[in-house]
Structure formats: structure tokens, C-alpha cells
Amino acid sequence: MTHVVCKPCYDCKYTDCVVVCPVECFYEGEKMLYIHPDECIDCEACVPECPVEAIFLDENVPEEWKEYIQINAEMAPQCPVITEKKTPLAEK
């Protein structure tokens, strides 16, 4: 199991979640963040930190956002790791 960043993060990109991640499994894309499924340890530290409630355990991803499981798996390896809080897109 892994956690997945879903649609509410798109064009928002709050980074509160990345600073609590003990394994640095978040990656920064142009429009949203991604969680690398092979690196996530399912600690759930990120879930309550997300102000837009965009992070779900893969088996609990809402049906309308199921494609984000694959999107995270494909995009995380292509993006740089992010470990520090940044100004979100929603506030730029």
C-alpha cells in the first residue's frame, strides 16, 4: 500500500505534507505533488497536513480519482524530490 496525491492538489500544490515525510517520498511536478509508491512507508503523517485533503491511501482513493494512483507512479520518478515547504500555487 501507498499514499496517493489526488486532484485537489492540482494547481494548488501546498507543501505542508512534505516537511513531515520521514522518507522524502514527495516529488514536485509543475502543477502538483506526487508520492513515489516504492518509497512511501504508509506512515500517514502527510494526510492531516494537507489543507485541501488531497492525500489518500491507495485503497481509499475516491473512484473519480483512481487514475491518480497510476499518475503518481509514473510522474514521481520523473520529478525532483521536494523536502521543504514552498509558497503554494494557490497563493501565487
PDB file of N, CA and C in Angstrom:
ATOM      1  N   MET A   1       0.836  -1.186   0.000  1.00  0.00           N
ATOM      2  CA  MET A   1       0.000   0.000   0.000  1.00  0.00           C
ATOM      3  C   MET A   1       0.878   1.245   0.000  1.00  0.00           C
ATOM      4  N   THR A   2       0.311   2.294  -0.546  1.00  0.00           N
ATOM      5  CA  THR A   2       0.994   3.570  -0.606  1.00  0.00           C
ATOM      6  C   THR A   2      -0.040   4.682  -0.515  1.00  0.00           C
ATOM      7  N   HIS A   3       0.417   5.856  -0.278  1.00  0.00           N
ATOM      8  CA  HIS A   3      -0.464   7.017  -0.312  1.00  0.00           C
ATOM      9  C   HIS A   3      -0.365   7.672  -1.674  1.00  0.00           C
ATOM     10  N   VAL A   4      -1.416   8.381  -2.048  1.00  0.00           N
ATOM     11  CA  VAL A   4      -1.534   8.954  -3.382  1.00  0.00           C
ATOM     12  C   VAL A   4      -2.006  10.403  -3.266  1.00  0.00           C
ATOM     13  N   VAL A   5      -1.361  11.282  -4.038  1.00  0.00           N
ATOM     14  CA  VAL A   5      -1.819  12.671  -4.122  1.00  0.00           C
ATOM     15  C   VAL A   5      -2.829  12.738  -5.261  1.00  0.00           C
ATOM     16  N   CYS A   6      -4.001  13.304  -4.995  1.00  0.00           N
ATOM     17  CA  CYS A   6      -5.084  13.318  -5.979  1.00  0.00           C
ATOM     18  C   CYS A   6      -5.432  14.726  -6.459  1.00  0.00           C
ATOM     19  N   LYS A   7      -6.470  14.823  -7.241  1.00  0.00           N
ATOM     20  CA  LYS A   7      -6.875  16.033  -7.949  1.00  0.00           C
ATOM     21  C   LYS A   7      -6.926  17.321  -7.121  1.00  0.00           C
ATOM     22  N   PRO A   8      -7.340  17.306  -5.850  1.00  0.00           N
ATOM     23  CA  PRO A   8      -7.384  18.581  -5.120  1.00  0.00           C
ATOM     24  C   PRO A   8      -6.038  19.311  -5.059  1.00  0.00           C
ATOM     25  N   CYS A   9      -4.937  18.587  -5.266  1.00  0.00           N
ATOM     26  CA  CYS A   9      -3.610  19.209  -5.248  1.00  0.00           C
ATOM     27  C   CYS A   9      -3.300  19.937  -6.552  1.00  0.00           C
ATOM     28  N   TYR A  10      -3.971  19.562  -7.629  1.00  0.00           N
ATOM     29  CA  TYR A  10      -3.675  20.138  -8.937  1.00  0.00           C
ATOM     30  C   TYR A  10      -3.935  21.646  -8.929  1.00  0.00           C
ATOM     31  N   ASP A  11      -2.947  22.404  -9.390  1.00  0.00           N
ATOM     32  CA  ASP A  11      -2.986  23.876  -9.419  1.00  0.00           C
ATOM     33  C   ASP A  11      -3.059  24.477  -8.025  1.00  0.00           C
ATOM     34  N   CYS A  12      -2.681  23.720  -7.043  1.00  0.00           N
ATOM     35  CA  CYS A  12      -2.737  24.162  -5.650  1.00  0.00           C
ATOM     36  C   CYS A  12      -1.343  24.016  -5.045  1.00  0.00           C
ATOM     37  N   LYS A  13      -0.900  22.782  -4.940  1.00  0.00           N
ATOM     38  CA  LYS A  13       0.456  22.407  -4.544  1.00  0.00           C
ATOM     39  C   LYS A  13       0.905  22.978  -3.196  1.00  0.00           C
ATOM     40  N   TYR A  14       0.093  22.768  -2.165  1.00  0.00           N
ATOM     41  CA  TYR A  14       0.550  23.072  -0.815  1.00  0.00           C
ATOM     42  C   TYR A  14       1.653  22.070  -0.478  1.00  0.00           C
ATOM     43  N   THR A  15       2.641  22.487   0.254  1.00  0.00           N
ATOM     44  CA  THR A  15       3.766  21.602   0.556  1.00  0.00           C
ATOM     45  C   THR A  15       3.894  21.303   2.052  1.00  0.00           C
ATOM     46  N   ASP A  16       2.851  21.530   2.802  1.00  0.00           N
ATOM     47  CA  ASP A  16       2.854  21.231   4.235  1.00  0.00           C
ATOM     48  C   ASP A  16       3.177  19.754   4.472  1.00  0.00           C
ATOM     49  N   CYS A  17       2.736  18.908   3.577  1.00  0.00           N
ATOM     50  CA  CYS A  17       2.898  17.467   3.703  1.00  0.00           C
ATOM     51  C   CYS A  17       4.350  17.015   3.588  1.00  0.00           C
ATOM     52  N   VAL A  18       5.134  17.693   2.781  1.00  0.00           N
ATOM     53  CA  VAL A  18       6.494  17.216   2.511  1.00  0.00           C
ATOM     54  C   VAL A  18       7.417  17.353   3.710  1.00  0.00           C
ATOM     55  N   VAL A  19       7.185  18.336   4.552  1.00  0.00           N
ATOM     56  CA  VAL A  19       8.085  18.554   5.686  1.00  0.00           C
ATOM     57  C   VAL A  19       7.901  17.510   6.794  1.00  0.00           C
ATOM     58  N   VAL A  20       6.795  16.801   6.811  1.00  0.00           N
ATOM     59  CA  VAL A  20       6.574  15.778   7.830  1.00  0.00           C
ATOM     60  C   VAL A  20       6.904  14.369   7.337  1.00  0.00           C
ATOM     61  N   CYS A  21       7.220  14.237   6.071  1.00  0.00           N
ATOM     62  CA  CYS A  21       7.507  12.918   5.495  1.00  0.00           C
ATOM     63  C   CYS A  21       8.879  12.422   5.966  1.00  0.00           C
ATOM     64  N   PRO A  22       8.918  11.290   6.679  1.00  0.00           N
ATOM     65  CA  PRO A  22      10.192  10.797   7.193  1.00  0.00           C
ATOM     66  C   PRO A  22      11.088  10.125   6.153  1.00  0.00           C
ATOM     67  N   VAL A  23      10.544   9.832   4.983  1.00  0.00           N
ATOM     68  CA  VAL A  23      11.330   9.129   3.966  1.00  0.00           C
ATOM     69  C   VAL A  23      11.510   9.934   2.672  1.00  0.00           C
ATOM     70  N   GLU A  24      11.077  11.164   2.657  1.00  0.00           N
ATOM     71  CA  GLU A  24      11.253  12.051   1.500  1.00  0.00           C
ATOM     72  C   GLU A  24      10.746  11.415   0.208  1.00  0.00           C
ATOM     73  N   CYS A  25       9.478  11.003   0.221  1.00  0.00           N
ATOM     74  CA  CYS A  25       8.907  10.328  -0.954  1.00  0.00           C
ATOM     75  C   CYS A  25       8.028  11.248  -1.805  1.00  0.00           C
ATOM     76  N   PHE A  26       8.041  12.561  -1.508  1.00  0.00           N
ATOM     77  CA  PHE A  26       7.267  13.511  -2.308  1.00  0.00           C
ATOM     78  C   PHE A  26       8.113  14.083  -3.428  1.00  0.00           C
ATOM     79  N   TYR A  27       7.479  14.259  -4.585  1.00  0.00           N
ATOM     80  CA  TYR A  27       8.160  14.805  -5.754  1.00  0.00           C
ATOM     81  C   TYR A  27       7.325  15.934  -6.309  1.00  0.00           C
ATOM     82  N   GLU A  28       8.009  16.967  -6.799  1.00  0.00           N
ATOM     83  CA  GLU A  28       7.328  18.182  -7.236  1.00  0.00           C
ATOM     84  C   GLU A  28       7.223  18.255  -8.751  1.00  0.00           C
ATOM     85  N   GLY A  29       5.972  18.234  -9.220  1.00  0.00           N
ATOM     86  CA  GLY A  29       5.703  18.455 -10.630  1.00  0.00           C
ATOM     87  C   GLY A  29       5.366  19.918 -10.848  1.00  0.00           C
ATOM     88  N   GLU A  30       5.120  20.284 -12.073  1.00  0.00           N
ATOM     89  CA  GLU A  30       4.809  21.676 -12.400  1.00  0.00           C
ATOM     90  C   GLU A  30       3.514  22.147 -11.763  1.00  0.00           C
ATOM     91  N   LYS A  31       2.508  21.280 -11.723  1.00  0.00           N
ATOM     92  CA  LYS A  31       1.181  21.674 -11.238  1.00  0.00           C
ATOM     93  C   LYS A  31       0.734  20.997  -9.949  1.00  0.00           C
ATOM     94  N   MET A  32       1.452  19.948  -9.509  1.00  0.00           N
ATOM     95  CA  MET A  32       1.052  19.248  -8.285  1.00  0.00           C
ATOM     96  C   MET A  32       2.215  18.429  -7.744  1.00  0.00           C
ATOM     97  N   LEU A  33       2.008  17.851  -6.580  1.00  0.00           N
ATOM     98  CA  LEU A  33       2.985  16.961  -5.960  1.00  0.00           C
ATOM     99  C   LEU A  33       2.600  15.517  -6.243  1.00  0.00           C
ATOM    100  N   TYR A  34       3.592  14.630  -6.140  1.00  0.00           N
ATOM    101  CA  TYR A  34       3.371  13.199  -6.337  1.00  0.00           C
ATOM    102  C   TYR A  34       4.076  12.437  -5.223  1.00  0.00           C
ATOM    103  N   ILE A  35       3.556  11.277  -4.880  1.00  0.00           N
ATOM    104  CA  ILE A  35       4.189  10.388  -3.916  1.00  0.00           C
ATOM    105  C   ILE A  35       4.728   9.182  -4.680  1.00  0.00           C
ATOM    106  N   HIS A  36       6.004   8.872  -4.439  1.00  0.00           N
ATOM    107  CA  HIS A  36       6.610   7.709  -5.090  1.00  0.00           C
ATOM    108  C   HIS A  36       6.115   6.451  -4.375  1.00  0.00           C
ATOM    109  N   PRO A  37       5.408   5.569  -5.076  1.00  0.00           N
ATOM    110  CA  PRO A  37       4.805   4.404  -4.421  1.00  0.00           C
ATOM    111  C   PRO A  37       5.819   3.417  -3.846  1.00  0.00           C
ATOM    112  N   ASP A  38       7.030   3.372  -4.385  1.00  0.00           N
ATOM    113  CA  ASP A  38       8.038   2.445  -3.882  1.00  0.00           C
ATOM    114  C   ASP A  38       8.769   2.988  -2.661  1.00  0.00           C
ATOM    115  N   GLU A  39       8.586   4.267  -2.366  1.00  0.00           N
ATOM    116  CA  GLU A  39       9.291   4.892  -1.251  1.00  0.00           C
ATOM    117  C   GLU A  39       8.381   5.178  -0.059  1.00  0.00           C
ATOM    118  N   CYS A  40       7.091   5.328  -0.294  1.00  0.00           N
ATOM    119  CA  CYS A  40       6.138   5.634   0.775  1.00  0.00           C
ATOM    120  C   CYS A  40       6.056   4.465   1.751  1.00  0.00           C
ATOM    121  N   ILE A  41       6.117   4.787   3.054  1.00  0.00           N
ATOM    122  CA  ILE A  41       6.049   3.744   4.082  1.00  0.00           C
ATOM    123  C   ILE A  41       4.685   3.719   4.782  1.00  0.00           C
ATOM    124  N   ASP A  42       3.726   4.431   4.245  1.00  0.00           N
ATOM    125  CA  ASP A  42       2.357   4.445   4.772  1.00  0.00           C
ATOM    126  C   ASP A  42       2.266   4.903   6.225  1.00  0.00           C
ATOM    127  N   CYS A  43       3.076   5.868   6.578  1.00  0.00           N
ATOM    128  CA  CYS A  43       3.059   6.340   7.968  1.00  0.00           C
ATOM    129  C   CYS A  43       1.876   7.270   8.243  1.00  0.00           C
ATOM    130  N   GLU A  44       1.287   7.810   7.189  1.00  0.00           N
ATOM    131  CA  GLU A  44       0.120   8.699   7.245  1.00  0.00           C
ATOM    132  C   GLU A  44       0.400  10.074   7.852  1.00  0.00           C
ATOM    133  N   ALA A  45       1.655  10.413   8.077  1.00  0.00           N
ATOM    134  CA  ALA A  45       1.980  11.725   8.652  1.00  0.00           C
ATOM    135  C   ALA A  45       1.524  12.858   7.738  1.00  0.00           C
ATOM    136  N   CYS A  46       1.531  12.638   6.447  1.00  0.00           N
ATOM    137  CA  CYS A  46       1.188  13.667   5.473  1.00  0.00           C
ATOM    138  C   CYS A  46      -0.310  13.960   5.389  1.00  0.00           C
ATOM    139  N   VAL A  47      -1.124  12.957   5.660  1.00  0.00           N
ATOM    140  CA  VAL A  47      -2.571  13.075   5.446  1.00  0.00           C
ATOM    141  C   VAL A  47      -3.195  14.253   6.201  1.00  0.00           C
ATOM    142  N   PRO A  48      -2.989  14.384   7.508  1.00  0.00           N
ATOM    143  CA  PRO A  48      -3.623  15.513   8.213  1.00  0.00           C
ATOM    144  C   PRO A  48      -2.994  16.867   7.899  1.00  0.00           C
ATOM    145  N   GLU A  49      -1.816  16.875   7.287  1.00  0.00           N
ATOM    146  CA  GLU A  49      -1.135  18.131   6.960  1.00  0.00           C
ATOM    147  C   GLU A  49      -1.650  18.788   5.683  1.00  0.00           C
ATOM    148  N   CYS A  50      -2.328  18.033   4.842  1.00  0.00           N
ATOM    149  CA  CYS A  50      -2.797  18.554   3.553  1.00  0.00           C
ATOM    150  C   CYS A  50      -4.055  19.405   3.758  1.00  0.00           C
ATOM    151  N   PRO A  51      -3.956  20.723   3.523  1.00  0.00           N
ATOM    152  CA  PRO A  51      -5.110  21.599   3.763  1.00  0.00           C
ATOM    153  C   PRO A  51      -6.259  21.412   2.776  1.00  0.00           C
ATOM    154  N   VAL A  52      -6.009  20.736   1.651  1.00  0.00           N
ATOM    155  CA  VAL A  52      -7.081  20.518   0.669  1.00  0.00           C
ATOM    156  C   VAL A  52      -7.529  19.055   0.618  1.00  0.00           C
ATOM    157  N   GLU A  53      -7.047  18.250   1.561  1.00  0.00           N
ATOM    158  CA  GLU A  53      -7.430  16.841   1.665  1.00  0.00           C
ATOM    159  C   GLU A  53      -7.239  16.089   0.349  1.00  0.00           C
ATOM    160  N   ALA A  54      -6.015  16.181  -0.193  1.00  0.00           N
ATOM    161  CA  ALA A  54      -5.709  15.566  -1.479  1.00  0.00           C
ATOM    162  C   ALA A  54      -4.984  14.231  -1.368  1.00  0.00           C
ATOM    163  N   ILE A  55      -4.630  13.799  -0.157  1.00  0.00           N
ATOM    164  CA  ILE A  55      -3.822  12.589   0.011  1.00  0.00           C
ATOM    165  C   ILE A  55      -4.670  11.456   0.604  1.00  0.00           C
ATOM    166  N   PHE A  56      -4.607  10.305  -0.080  1.00  0.00           N
ATOM    167  CA  PHE A  56      -5.388   9.136   0.328  1.00  0.00           C
ATOM    168  C   PHE A  56      -4.527   7.886   0.279  1.00  0.00           C
ATOM    169  N   LEU A  57      -4.847   6.919   1.128  1.00  0.00           N
ATOM    170  CA  LEU A  57      -4.275   5.594   0.997  1.00  0.00           C
ATOM    171  C   LEU A  57      -4.779   5.043  -0.334  1.00  0.00           C
ATOM    172  N   ASP A  58      -3.927   4.352  -1.083  1.00  0.00           N
ATOM    173  CA  ASP A  58      -4.317   3.926  -2.433  1.00  0.00           C
ATOM    174  C   ASP A  58      -5.636   3.171  -2.475  1.00  0.00           C
ATOM    175  N   GLU A  59      -5.914   2.349  -1.479  1.00  0.00           N
ATOM    176  CA  GLU A  59      -7.169   1.590  -1.493  1.00  0.00           C
ATOM    177  C   GLU A  59      -8.378   2.446  -1.113  1.00  0.00           C
ATOM    178  N   ASN A  60      -8.144   3.675  -0.651  1.00  0.00           N
ATOM    179  CA  ASN A  60      -9.234   4.579  -0.288  1.00  0.00           C
ATOM    180  C   ASN A  60      -9.400   5.770  -1.232  1.00  0.00           C
ATOM    181  N   VAL A  61      -8.677   5.764  -2.338  1.00  0.00           N
ATOM    182  CA  VAL A  61      -8.810   6.847  -3.304  1.00  0.00           C
ATOM    183  C   VAL A  61     -10.240   6.839  -3.844  1.00  0.00           C
ATOM    184  N   PRO A  62     -10.917   7.999  -3.814  1.00  0.00           N
ATOM    185  CA  PRO A  62     -12.279   8.050  -4.371  1.00  0.00           C
ATOM    186  C   PRO A  62     -12.299   7.575  -5.835  1.00  0.00           C
ATOM    187  N   GLU A  63     -13.362   6.927  -6.205  1.00  0.00           N
ATOM    188  CA  GLU A  63     -13.485   6.336  -7.536  1.00  0.00           C
ATOM    189  C   GLU A  63     -13.147   7.320  -8.657  1.00  0.00           C
ATOM    190  N   GLU A  64     -13.618   8.555  -8.527  1.00  0.00           N
ATOM    191  CA  GLU A  64     -13.396   9.539  -9.596  1.00  0.00           C
ATOM    192  C   GLU A  64     -11.935   9.965  -9.732  1.00  0.00           C
ATOM    193  N   TRP A  65     -11.087   9.584  -8.765  1.00  0.00           N
ATOM    194  CA  TRP A  65      -9.665   9.958  -8.818  1.00  0.00           C
ATOM    195  C   TRP A  65      -8.740   8.751  -8.890  1.00  0.00           C
ATOM    196  N   LYS A  66      -9.272   7.577  -9.179  1.00  0.00           N
ATOM    197  CA  LYS A  66      -8.464   6.349  -9.227  1.00  0.00           C
ATOM    198  C   LYS A  66      -7.275   6.463 -10.178  1.00  0.00           C
ATOM    199  N   GLU A  67      -7.402   7.236 -11.249  1.00  0.00           N
ATOM    200  CA  GLU A  67      -6.297   7.360 -12.207  1.00  0.00           C
ATOM    201  C   GLU A  67      -5.063   8.006 -11.588  1.00  0.00           C
ATOM    202  N   TYR A  68      -5.232   8.699 -10.469  1.00  0.00           N
ATOM    203  CA  TYR A  68      -4.095   9.344  -9.804  1.00  0.00           C
ATOM    204  C   TYR A  68      -3.144   8.333  -9.169  1.00  0.00           C
ATOM    205  N   ILE A  69      -3.582   7.116  -8.948  1.00  0.00           N
ATOM    206  CA  ILE A  69      -2.680   6.074  -8.458  1.00  0.00           C
ATOM    207  C   ILE A  69      -1.594   5.855  -9.504  1.00  0.00           C
ATOM    208  N   GLN A  70      -1.994   5.693 -10.750  1.00  0.00           N
ATOM    209  CA  GLN A  70      -1.041   5.491 -11.846  1.00  0.00           C
ATOM    210  C   GLN A  70      -0.270   6.774 -12.153  1.00  0.00           C
ATOM    211  N   ILE A  71      -0.937   7.909 -12.081  1.00  0.00           N
ATOM    212  CA  ILE A  71      -0.272   9.193 -12.353  1.00  0.00           C
ATOM    213  C   ILE A  71       0.880   9.412 -11.369  1.00  0.00           C
ATOM    214  N   ASN A  72       0.649   9.154 -10.081  1.00  0.00           N
ATOM    215  CA  ASN A  72       1.718   9.297  -9.086  1.00  0.00           C
ATOM    216  C   ASN A  72       2.871   8.350  -9.401  1.00  0.00           C
ATOM    217  N   ALA A  73       2.556   7.110  -9.729  1.00  0.00           N
ATOM    218  CA  ALA A  73       3.582   6.110 -10.024  1.00  0.00           C
ATOM    219  C   ALA A  73       4.418   6.498 -11.238  1.00  0.00           C
ATOM    220  N   GLU A  74       3.788   7.092 -12.233  1.00  0.00           N
ATOM    221  CA  GLU A  74       4.504   7.488 -13.451  1.00  0.00           C
ATOM    222  C   GLU A  74       5.268   8.792 -13.286  1.00  0.00           C
ATOM    223  N   MET A  75       4.680   9.754 -12.602  1.00  0.00           N
ATOM    224  CA  MET A  75       5.273  11.090 -12.532  1.00  0.00           C
ATOM    225  C   MET A  75       6.348  11.243 -11.458  1.00  0.00           C
ATOM    226  N   ALA A  76       6.204  10.605 -10.317  1.00  0.00           N
ATOM    227  CA  ALA A  76       7.180  10.773  -9.236  1.00  0.00           C
ATOM    228  C   ALA A  76       8.621  10.522  -9.698  1.00  0.00           C
ATOM    229  N   PRO A  77       8.893   9.432 -10.436  1.00  0.00           N
ATOM    230  CA  PRO A  77      10.276   9.198 -10.861  1.00  0.00           C
ATOM    231  C   PRO A  77      10.810  10.231 -11.864  1.00  0.00           C
ATOM    232  N   GLN A  78       9.926  11.001 -12.464  1.00  0.00           N
ATOM    233  CA  GLN A  78      10.338  11.995 -13.460  1.00  0.00           C
ATOM    234  C   GLN A  78      10.562  13.385 -12.875  1.00  0.00           C
ATOM    235  N   CYS A  79      10.225  13.560 -11.601  1.00  0.00           N
ATOM    236  CA  CYS A  79      10.255  14.882 -10.970  1.00  0.00           C
ATOM    237  C   CYS A  79      11.297  14.932  -9.857  1.00  0.00           C
ATOM    238  N   PRO A  80      11.715  16.149  -9.484  1.00  0.00           N
ATOM    239  CA  PRO A  80      12.678  16.270  -8.378  1.00  0.00           C
ATOM    240  C   PRO A  80      12.013  16.069  -7.020  1.00  0.00           C
ATOM    241  N   VAL A  81      12.756  15.492  -6.100  1.00  0.00           N
ATOM    242  CA  VAL A  81      12.258  15.314  -4.738  1.00  0.00           C
ATOM    243  C   VAL A  81      12.056  16.691  -4.099  1.00  0.00           C
ATOM    244  N   ILE A  82      11.076  16.789  -3.228  1.00  0.00           N
ATOM    245  CA  ILE A  82      10.822  18.040  -2.512  1.00  0.00           C
ATOM    246  C   ILE A  82      10.744  17.719  -1.021  1.00  0.00           C
ATOM    247  N   THR A  83      11.499  18.501  -0.225  1.00  0.00           N
ATOM    248  CA  THR A  83      11.545  18.245   1.216  1.00  0.00           C
ATOM    249  C   THR A  83      11.290  19.506   2.038  1.00  0.00           C
ATOM    250  N   GLU A  84      11.189  20.650   1.370  1.00  0.00           N
ATOM    251  CA  GLU A  84      10.988  21.917   2.076  1.00  0.00           C
ATOM    252  C   GLU A  84       9.690  22.580   1.654  1.00  0.00           C
ATOM    253  N   LYS A  85       9.094  23.287   2.588  1.00  0.00           N
ATOM    254  CA  LYS A  85       7.844  23.996   2.322  1.00  0.00           C
ATOM    255  C   LYS A  85       8.100  25.167   1.374  1.00  0.00           C
ATOM    256  N   LYS A  86       7.205  25.333   0.410  1.00  0.00           N
ATOM    257  CA  LYS A  86       7.266  26.418  -0.573  1.00  0.00           C
ATOM    258  C   LYS A  86       5.920  27.127  -0.621  1.00  0.00           C
ATOM    259  N   THR A  87       5.892  28.302  -1.241  1.00  0.00           N
ATOM    260  CA  THR A  87       4.635  29.009  -1.442  1.00  0.00           C
ATOM    261  C   THR A  87       3.783  28.208  -2.419  1.00  0.00           C
ATOM    262  N   PRO A  88       2.556  27.866  -2.038  1.00  0.00           N
ATOM    263  CA  PRO A  88       1.704  27.067  -2.934  1.00  0.00           C
ATOM    264  C   PRO A  88       1.250  27.880  -4.148  1.00  0.00           C
ATOM    265  N   LEU A  89       0.933  27.169  -5.216  1.00  0.00           N
ATOM    266  CA  LEU A  89       0.411  27.815  -6.420  1.00  0.00           C
ATOM    267  C   LEU A  89      -0.856  28.595  -6.112  1.00  0.00           C
ATOM    268  N   ALA A  90      -1.645  28.073  -5.191  1.00  0.00           N
ATOM    269  CA  ALA A  90      -2.914  28.711  -4.835  1.00  0.00           C
ATOM    270  C   ALA A  90      -2.717  30.114  -4.256  1.00  0.00           C
ATOM    271  N   GLU A  91      -1.515  30.425  -3.772  1.00  0.00           N
ATOM    272  CA  GLU A  91      -1.257  31.727  -3.165  1.00  0.00           C
ATOM    273  C   GLU A  91      -0.353  32.611  -4.008  1.00  0.00           C
ATOM    274  N   LYS A  92      -0.004  32.169  -5.193  1.00  0.00           N
ATOM    275  CA  LYS A  92       0.868  32.983  -6.074  1.00  0.00           C
ATOM    276  C   LYS A  92       0.071  33.899  -6.933  1.00  0.00           C
TER     277      LYS A  92
END
